[in-house]
């Protein structure tokens, strides 16, 4: 059984940083595409960042490009999302997801990810 558990969320001031973690069990994250998504109140879930199963490709939403970085640690079976220069509009519940399809590119659609974590709240105060 696949389980994804996020941590690292919290309250941070504008311009601050957070690092989210997604610990996986039941699958080896190095063998699958992994993504981070977020959902703000009253809005659709949206793609934030992803890494392909081979690790050869990463992709970011335009809104976070240059500020967020996705990485994974095979030894810890964990995926990270480093978030810098946070803005109030980054406030949302952040969830990690696992894509079992072995495409060379990063999937950005919610429906392409089969397994999801429960999410962690990130709040950026101004």
Foldseek 3Di string as FASTA:
>chain_A
DKAWAKDWADEAAAQAKIKMKIAIDPDQQLQWKKFKWWDDPPDDIWTAKIAASPRPDIDGDPVQPPFWDWDDDRVRSMIMIIGGRDDQVVWTWMKMFTAPDRDPYHDTDPVRTDDIHPTDTHGYHD
